[in-house]
Amino acid sequence: FDQLTPVTDNEFQNDMFSPEILVYISEHFKEEISLVSLAKRFGYNPSYLSRSFKCDFNISFCKYITMLRLREAVMLITRGELNITECAIESGFGSMRSFYRAFKEEFGMSPKEYSRTIHAFDKKSTVI
């Protein structure tokens, strides 16, 4: 998740990404959010917004949203209060297929494998 911080430590290369835009993204990443809707809301051309986002953060807008959703999913899975499907939905993923694909790509294991690993570790640490 180290990719979730701006390349320039909050000193943006241009003034494109005001805190207002970033706050909006952080408050709405669980919803259906797109570059087009974000650009329209803040009065920018979607192509310009995409290029500027990539330039400032060294990650595409879509990848950034996916990373925020994965971070949320990991937190929910770790808590152990919801099943995997509920974690995916609560995190904003539109389908289980996209959730599993993104999770496996990022962590090298399925969400179920991650859950088993993290909860097996918890059981071992409480026994000691």
N, C-alpha and C. Protein backbone atom coordinates (compact mmCIF):
# COMPACT_ATOMS: atom_id res chain seq x y z
N PHE A 1 0.81 -1.21 0.00
CA PHE A 1 0.00 0.00 0.00
C PHE A 1 0.84 1.26 0.00
N ASP A 2 2.16 1.12 -0.12
CA ASP A 2 3.01 2.29 -0.14
C ASP A 2 2.75 3.17 -1.35
N GLN A 3 2.02 2.66 -2.34
CA GLN A 3 1.71 3.45 -3.52
C GLN A 3 0.59 4.46 -3.27
N LEU A 4 -0.01 4.45 -2.09
CA LEU A 4 -1.15 5.30 -1.83
C LEU A 4 -0.77 6.70 -1.39
N THR A 5 0.50 7.03 -1.36
CA THR A 5 0.90 8.37 -1.00
C THR A 5 1.45 9.09 -2.22
N PRO A 6 1.26 10.40 -2.29
CA PRO A 6 1.77 11.14 -3.44
C PRO A 6 3.28 11.00 -3.57
N VAL A 7 3.74 11.03 -4.79
CA VAL A 7 5.16 10.90 -5.09
C VAL A 7 5.94 12.03 -4.42
N THR A 8 5.35 13.20 -4.33
CA THR A 8 6.06 14.37 -3.84
C THR A 8 5.71 14.72 -2.40
N ASP A 9 5.26 13.75 -1.61
CA ASP A 9 4.93 13.98 -0.20
C ASP A 9 4.03 15.20 0.01
N ASN A 10 2.89 15.18 -0.67
CA ASN A 10 1.86 16.21 -0.55
C ASN A 10 2.25 17.57 -1.13
N GLU A 11 3.42 17.70 -1.72
CA GLU A 11 3.76 18.91 -2.47
C GLU A 11 3.55 18.57 -3.93
N PHE A 12 2.36 18.84 -4.41
CA PHE A 12 1.96 18.38 -5.73
C PHE A 12 2.73 19.10 -6.82
N GLN A 13 2.95 18.37 -7.90
CA GLN A 13 3.67 18.92 -9.03
C GLN A 13 2.85 20.01 -9.72
N ASN A 14 1.56 19.95 -9.57
CA ASN A 14 0.69 21.03 -10.00
C ASN A 14 -0.38 21.18 -8.94
N ASP A 15 -1.22 22.18 -9.05
CA ASP A 15 -2.22 22.39 -8.02
C ASP A 15 -3.52 21.67 -8.34
N MET A 16 -3.45 20.66 -9.22
CA MET A 16 -4.61 19.91 -9.67
C MET A 16 -5.33 19.22 -8.52
N PHE A 17 -4.61 18.53 -7.70
CA PHE A 17 -5.23 17.72 -6.67
C PHE A 17 -5.30 18.47 -5.36
N SER A 18 -6.32 19.25 -5.25
CA SER A 18 -6.55 19.96 -4.01
C SER A 18 -6.97 18.96 -2.94
N PRO A 19 -6.79 19.30 -1.72
CA PRO A 19 -7.25 18.40 -0.65
C PRO A 19 -8.74 18.04 -0.79
N GLU A 20 -9.52 18.95 -1.35
CA GLU A 20 -10.95 18.70 -1.54
C GLU A 20 -11.20 17.49 -2.44
N ILE A 21 -10.43 17.36 -3.51
CA ILE A 21 -10.60 16.22 -4.43
C ILE A 21 -10.17 14.93 -3.75
N LEU A 22 -9.06 14.97 -3.05
CA LEU A 22 -8.57 13.77 -2.37
C LEU A 22 -9.49 13.34 -1.23
N VAL A 23 -10.04 14.30 -0.52
CA VAL A 23 -11.00 13.98 0.54
C VAL A 23 -12.24 13.34 -0.07
N TYR A 24 -12.69 13.91 -1.18
CA TYR A 24 -13.87 13.34 -1.86
C TYR A 24 -13.61 11.88 -2.25
N ILE A 25 -12.46 11.61 -2.83
CA ILE A 25 -12.11 10.24 -3.22
C ILE A 25 -12.10 9.33 -1.99
N SER A 26 -11.47 9.78 -0.91
CA SER A 26 -11.38 8.94 0.28
C SER A 26 -12.73 8.70 0.93
N GLU A 27 -13.67 9.59 0.73
CA GLU A 27 -15.01 9.44 1.30
C GLU A 27 -15.95 8.65 0.40
N HIS A 28 -15.60 8.51 -0.88
CA HIS A 28 -16.52 7.90 -1.84
C HIS A 28 -15.95 6.69 -2.60
N PHE A 29 -14.77 6.20 -2.22
CA PHE A 29 -14.17 5.09 -2.97
C PHE A 29 -14.99 3.80 -2.88
N LYS A 30 -15.83 3.68 -1.87
CA LYS A 30 -16.66 2.47 -1.73
C LYS A 30 -17.86 2.50 -2.68
N GLU A 31 -18.14 3.66 -3.21
CA GLU A 31 -19.25 3.83 -4.13
C GLU A 31 -18.76 3.65 -5.57
N GLU A 32 -19.69 3.64 -6.49
CA GLU A 32 -19.31 3.60 -7.90
C GLU A 32 -18.77 4.98 -8.26
N ILE A 33 -17.46 5.05 -8.38
CA ILE A 33 -16.79 6.32 -8.67
C ILE A 33 -15.95 6.13 -9.92
N SER A 34 -16.02 7.10 -10.80
CA SER A 34 -15.25 7.00 -12.04
C SER A 34 -14.51 8.31 -12.27
N LEU A 35 -13.55 8.22 -13.15
CA LEU A 35 -12.80 9.41 -13.54
C LEU A 35 -13.74 10.45 -14.17
N VAL A 36 -14.68 9.97 -14.96
CA VAL A 36 -15.62 10.88 -15.61
C VAL A 36 -16.48 11.61 -14.58
N SER A 37 -17.01 10.87 -13.60
CA SER A 37 -17.87 11.50 -12.59
C SER A 37 -17.06 12.46 -11.71
N LEU A 38 -15.83 12.08 -11.39
CA LEU A 38 -14.97 12.95 -10.58
C LEU A 38 -14.61 14.22 -11.35
N ALA A 39 -14.26 14.06 -12.61
CA ALA A 39 -13.92 15.21 -13.45
C ALA A 39 -15.11 16.16 -13.58
N LYS A 40 -16.28 15.59 -13.78
CA LYS A 40 -17.49 16.41 -13.93
C LYS A 40 -17.78 17.16 -12.63
N ARG A 41 -17.65 16.48 -11.52
CA ARG A 41 -17.94 17.09 -10.22
C ARG A 41 -17.01 18.28 -9.93
N PHE A 42 -15.75 18.17 -10.33
CA PHE A 42 -14.78 19.22 -10.02
C PHE A 42 -14.43 20.10 -11.21
N GLY A 43 -15.10 19.88 -12.34
CA GLY A 43 -14.94 20.77 -13.49
C GLY A 43 -13.67 20.58 -14.29
N TYR A 44 -13.21 19.34 -14.42
CA TYR A 44 -12.02 19.05 -15.20
C TYR A 44 -12.34 18.12 -16.36
N ASN A 45 -11.49 18.13 -17.36
CA ASN A 45 -11.57 17.18 -18.45
C ASN A 45 -11.07 15.82 -17.91
N PRO A 46 -11.80 14.73 -18.17
CA PRO A 46 -11.38 13.42 -17.65
C PRO A 46 -9.96 13.01 -18.07
N SER A 47 -9.59 13.29 -19.31
CA SER A 47 -8.24 12.93 -19.78
C SER A 47 -7.17 13.70 -19.02
N TYR A 48 -7.42 14.98 -18.82
CA TYR A 48 -6.48 15.81 -18.07
C TYR A 48 -6.37 15.32 -16.62
N LEU A 49 -7.51 15.02 -16.02
CA LEU A 49 -7.53 14.53 -14.65
C LEU A 49 -6.75 13.22 -14.54
N SER A 50 -6.94 12.33 -15.50
CA SER A 50 -6.24 11.04 -15.52
C SER A 50 -4.73 11.24 -15.60
N ARG A 51 -4.30 12.05 -16.54
CA ARG A 51 -2.86 12.31 -16.71
C ARG A 51 -2.25 12.96 -15.47
N SER A 52 -2.96 13.93 -14.92
CA SER A 52 -2.47 14.63 -13.74
C SER A 52 -2.39 13.71 -12.53
N PHE A 53 -3.39 12.84 -12.39
CA PHE A 53 -3.39 11.89 -11.28
C PHE A 53 -2.19 10.96 -11.39
N LYS A 54 -1.98 10.43 -12.58
CA LYS A 54 -0.84 9.53 -12.83
C LYS A 54 0.48 10.25 -12.56
N CYS A 55 0.59 11.48 -12.99
CA CYS A 55 1.80 12.26 -12.81
C CYS A 55 2.06 12.54 -11.33
N ASP A 56 1.04 12.94 -10.59
CA ASP A 56 1.20 13.30 -9.18
C ASP A 56 1.39 12.09 -8.27
N PHE A 57 0.75 10.99 -8.60
CA PHE A 57 0.75 9.83 -7.70
C PHE A 57 1.50 8.62 -8.23
N ASN A 58 1.91 8.67 -9.48
CA ASN A 58 2.62 7.55 -10.10
C ASN A 58 1.79 6.26 -10.08
N ILE A 59 0.50 6.41 -10.18
CA ILE A 59 -0.44 5.29 -10.20
C ILE A 59 -1.69 5.79 -10.92
N SER A 60 -2.34 4.91 -11.64
CA SER A 60 -3.55 5.34 -12.34
C SER A 60 -4.70 5.54 -11.35
N PHE A 61 -5.67 6.32 -11.75
CA PHE A 61 -6.84 6.56 -10.90
C PHE A 61 -7.53 5.25 -10.55
N CYS A 62 -7.74 4.39 -11.54
CA CYS A 62 -8.41 3.10 -11.30
C CYS A 62 -7.62 2.23 -10.32
N LYS A 63 -6.31 2.19 -10.49
CA LYS A 63 -5.47 1.41 -9.58
C LYS A 63 -5.53 1.98 -8.17
N TYR A 64 -5.56 3.29 -8.05
CA TYR A 64 -5.66 3.95 -6.75
C TYR A 64 -6.95 3.56 -6.04
N ILE A 65 -8.06 3.61 -6.76
CA ILE A 65 -9.35 3.22 -6.18
C ILE A 65 -9.30 1.75 -5.76
N THR A 66 -8.73 0.90 -6.60
CA THR A 66 -8.61 -0.51 -6.26
C THR A 66 -7.77 -0.70 -5.00
N MET A 67 -6.68 0.04 -4.87
CA MET A 67 -5.83 -0.07 -3.69
C MET A 67 -6.57 0.38 -2.43
N LEU A 68 -7.34 1.46 -2.52
CA LEU A 68 -8.13 1.90 -1.37
C LEU A 68 -9.14 0.83 -0.97
N ARG A 69 -9.77 0.23 -1.96
CA ARG A 69 -10.75 -0.82 -1.69
C ARG A 69 -10.09 -2.06 -1.10
N LEU A 70 -8.93 -2.42 -1.61
CA LEU A 70 -8.21 -3.56 -1.05
C LEU A 70 -7.79 -3.30 0.39
N ARG A 71 -7.34 -2.11 0.67
CA ARG A 71 -6.95 -1.76 2.04
C ARG A 71 -8.15 -1.90 2.98
N GLU A 72 -9.29 -1.44 2.53
CA GLU A 72 -10.52 -1.57 3.32
C GLU A 72 -10.89 -3.04 3.50
N ALA A 73 -10.79 -3.82 2.43
CA ALA A 73 -11.13 -5.25 2.50
C ALA A 73 -10.21 -5.99 3.46
N VAL A 74 -8.93 -5.70 3.42
CA VAL A 74 -7.97 -6.34 4.33
C VAL A 74 -8.33 -6.02 5.78
N MET A 75 -8.68 -4.78 6.04
CA MET A 75 -9.07 -4.39 7.39
C MET A 75 -10.31 -5.18 7.84
N LEU A 76 -11.30 -5.30 6.96
CA LEU A 76 -12.53 -6.02 7.30
C LEU A 76 -12.27 -7.52 7.47
N ILE A 77 -11.47 -8.09 6.60
CA ILE A 77 -11.14 -9.52 6.71
C ILE A 77 -10.40 -9.78 8.02
N THR A 78 -9.49 -8.90 8.36
CA THR A 78 -8.70 -9.06 9.57
C THR A 78 -9.58 -9.00 10.82
N ARG A 79 -10.57 -8.15 10.81
CA ARG A 79 -11.51 -8.07 11.94
C ARG A 79 -12.25 -9.39 12.14
N GLY A 80 -12.56 -10.07 11.02
CA GLY A 80 -13.22 -11.36 11.09
C GLY A 80 -14.71 -11.33 11.40
N GLU A 81 -15.33 -10.17 11.27
CA GLU A 81 -16.76 -10.04 11.58
C GLU A 81 -17.66 -10.33 10.39
N LEU A 82 -17.11 -10.23 9.18
CA LEU A 82 -17.88 -10.43 7.95
C LEU A 82 -17.28 -11.56 7.14
N ASN A 83 -18.11 -12.18 6.30
CA ASN A 83 -17.55 -13.18 5.40
C ASN A 83 -16.88 -12.47 4.22
N ILE A 84 -16.20 -13.22 3.39
CA ILE A 84 -15.42 -12.64 2.29
C ILE A 84 -16.30 -11.84 1.33
N THR A 85 -17.46 -12.37 1.00
CA THR A 85 -18.36 -11.65 0.09
C THR A 85 -18.79 -10.32 0.68
N GLU A 86 -19.14 -10.30 1.94
CA GLU A 86 -19.55 -9.06 2.60
C GLU A 86 -18.39 -8.06 2.64
N CYS A 87 -17.19 -8.56 2.87
CA CYS A 87 -16.01 -7.68 2.88
C CYS A 87 -15.81 -7.03 1.51
N ALA A 88 -15.98 -7.82 0.45
CA ALA A 88 -15.82 -7.29 -0.91
C ALA A 88 -16.86 -6.21 -1.19
N ILE A 89 -18.10 -6.48 -0.84
CA ILE A 89 -19.19 -5.53 -1.08
C ILE A 89 -18.99 -4.26 -0.26
N GLU A 90 -18.67 -4.43 1.02
CA GLU A 90 -18.45 -3.28 1.91
C GLU A 90 -17.27 -2.42 1.46
N SER A 91 -16.34 -3.03 0.78
CA SER A 91 -15.14 -2.31 0.31
C SER A 91 -15.36 -1.58 -1.00
N GLY A 92 -16.49 -1.85 -1.65
CA GLY A 92 -16.81 -1.13 -2.88
C GLY A 92 -16.57 -1.89 -4.17
N PHE A 93 -16.18 -3.15 -4.08
CA PHE A 93 -15.97 -3.91 -5.32
C PHE A 93 -17.31 -4.25 -5.95
N GLY A 94 -17.39 -4.10 -7.26
CA GLY A 94 -18.62 -4.32 -8.00
C GLY A 94 -18.93 -5.78 -8.25
N SER A 95 -17.92 -6.63 -8.17
CA SER A 95 -18.14 -8.06 -8.39
C SER A 95 -17.11 -8.86 -7.61
N MET A 96 -17.47 -10.09 -7.31
CA MET A 96 -16.53 -10.96 -6.62
C MET A 96 -15.34 -11.28 -7.52
N ARG A 97 -15.61 -11.37 -8.80
CA ARG A 97 -14.53 -11.68 -9.75
C ARG A 97 -13.45 -10.59 -9.72
N SER A 98 -13.88 -9.33 -9.77
CA SER A 98 -12.89 -8.24 -9.75
C SER A 98 -12.19 -8.17 -8.40
N PHE A 99 -12.89 -8.47 -7.32
CA PHE A 99 -12.29 -8.49 -5.99
C PHE A 99 -11.22 -9.57 -5.89
N TYR A 100 -11.56 -10.80 -6.27
CA TYR A 100 -10.60 -11.90 -6.19
C TYR A 100 -9.39 -11.65 -7.08
N ARG A 101 -9.64 -11.14 -8.29
CA ARG A 101 -8.53 -10.89 -9.21
C ARG A 101 -7.57 -9.83 -8.64
N ALA A 102 -8.13 -8.73 -8.13
CA ALA A 102 -7.30 -7.66 -7.59
C ALA A 102 -6.56 -8.13 -6.33
N PHE A 103 -7.24 -8.88 -5.49
CA PHE A 103 -6.64 -9.36 -4.25
C PHE A 103 -5.47 -10.30 -4.54
N LYS A 104 -5.71 -11.24 -5.43
CA LYS A 104 -4.67 -12.22 -5.78
C LYS A 104 -3.48 -11.53 -6.45
N GLU A 105 -3.77 -10.57 -7.30
CA GLU A 105 -2.69 -9.83 -7.98
C GLU A 105 -1.84 -9.06 -6.97
N GLU A 106 -2.47 -8.46 -5.99
CA GLU A 106 -1.75 -7.63 -5.02
C GLU A 106 -1.04 -8.45 -3.94
N PHE A 107 -1.68 -9.52 -3.46
CA PHE A 107 -1.15 -10.24 -2.31
C PHE A 107 -0.64 -11.65 -2.61
N GLY A 108 -0.87 -12.13 -3.83
CA GLY A 108 -0.37 -13.44 -4.21
C GLY A 108 -1.13 -14.60 -3.59
N MET A 109 -2.30 -14.31 -3.06
CA MET A 109 -3.16 -15.36 -2.50
C MET A 109 -4.60 -14.87 -2.56
N SER A 110 -5.53 -15.81 -2.45
CA SER A 110 -6.94 -15.44 -2.48
C SER A 110 -7.34 -14.82 -1.14
N PRO A 111 -8.45 -14.10 -1.10
CA PRO A 111 -8.93 -13.55 0.17
C PRO A 111 -9.17 -14.64 1.22
N LYS A 112 -9.67 -15.80 0.79
CA LYS A 112 -9.90 -16.89 1.74
C LYS A 112 -8.59 -17.39 2.33
N GLU A 113 -7.58 -17.53 1.48
CA GLU A 113 -6.26 -17.95 1.96
C GLU A 113 -5.71 -16.93 2.95
N TYR A 114 -5.87 -15.66 2.62
CA TYR A 114 -5.40 -14.59 3.51
C TYR A 114 -6.12 -14.67 4.85
N SER A 115 -7.42 -14.85 4.81
CA SER A 115 -8.21 -14.94 6.03
C SER A 115 -7.78 -16.11 6.90
N ARG A 116 -7.59 -17.26 6.27
CA ARG A 116 -7.13 -18.44 7.02
C ARG A 116 -5.76 -18.18 7.64
N THR A 117 -4.87 -17.57 6.88
CA THR A 117 -3.52 -17.29 7.36
C THR A 117 -3.55 -16.34 8.55
N ILE A 118 -4.28 -15.26 8.42
CA ILE A 118 -4.31 -14.23 9.47
C ILE A 118 -4.99 -14.76 10.73
N HIS A 119 -6.05 -15.52 10.56
CA HIS A 119 -6.77 -16.04 11.73
C HIS A 119 -6.05 -17.23 12.36
N ALA A 120 -5.32 -18.00 11.59
CA ALA A 120 -4.50 -19.08 12.15
C ALA A 120 -3.38 -18.48 12.99
N PHE A 121 -2.80 -17.38 12.52
CA PHE A 121 -1.76 -16.68 13.27
C PHE A 121 -2.31 -16.15 14.58
N ASP A 122 -3.54 -15.58 14.54
CA ASP A 122 -4.17 -15.07 15.75
C ASP A 122 -4.37 -16.18 16.78
N LYS A 123 -4.80 -17.36 16.32
CA LYS A 123 -5.02 -18.48 17.24
C LYS A 123 -3.73 -18.93 17.87
N LYS A 124 -2.65 -18.97 17.07
CA LYS A 124 -1.35 -19.38 17.59
C LYS A 124 -0.83 -18.39 18.62
N SER A 125 -1.02 -17.10 18.36
CA SER A 125 -0.49 -16.09 19.27
C SER A 125 -1.27 -16.04 20.58
N THR A 126 -2.54 -16.46 20.60
CA THR A 126 -3.29 -16.47 21.84
C THR A 126 -2.98 -17.70 22.68
N VAL A 127 -2.48 -18.77 22.04
CA VAL A 127 -2.12 -19.99 22.76
C VAL A 127 -0.83 -19.81 23.53
N ILE A 128 0.09 -19.04 22.98
CA ILE A 128 1.42 -18.86 23.59
C ILE A 128 1.35 -18.02 24.84
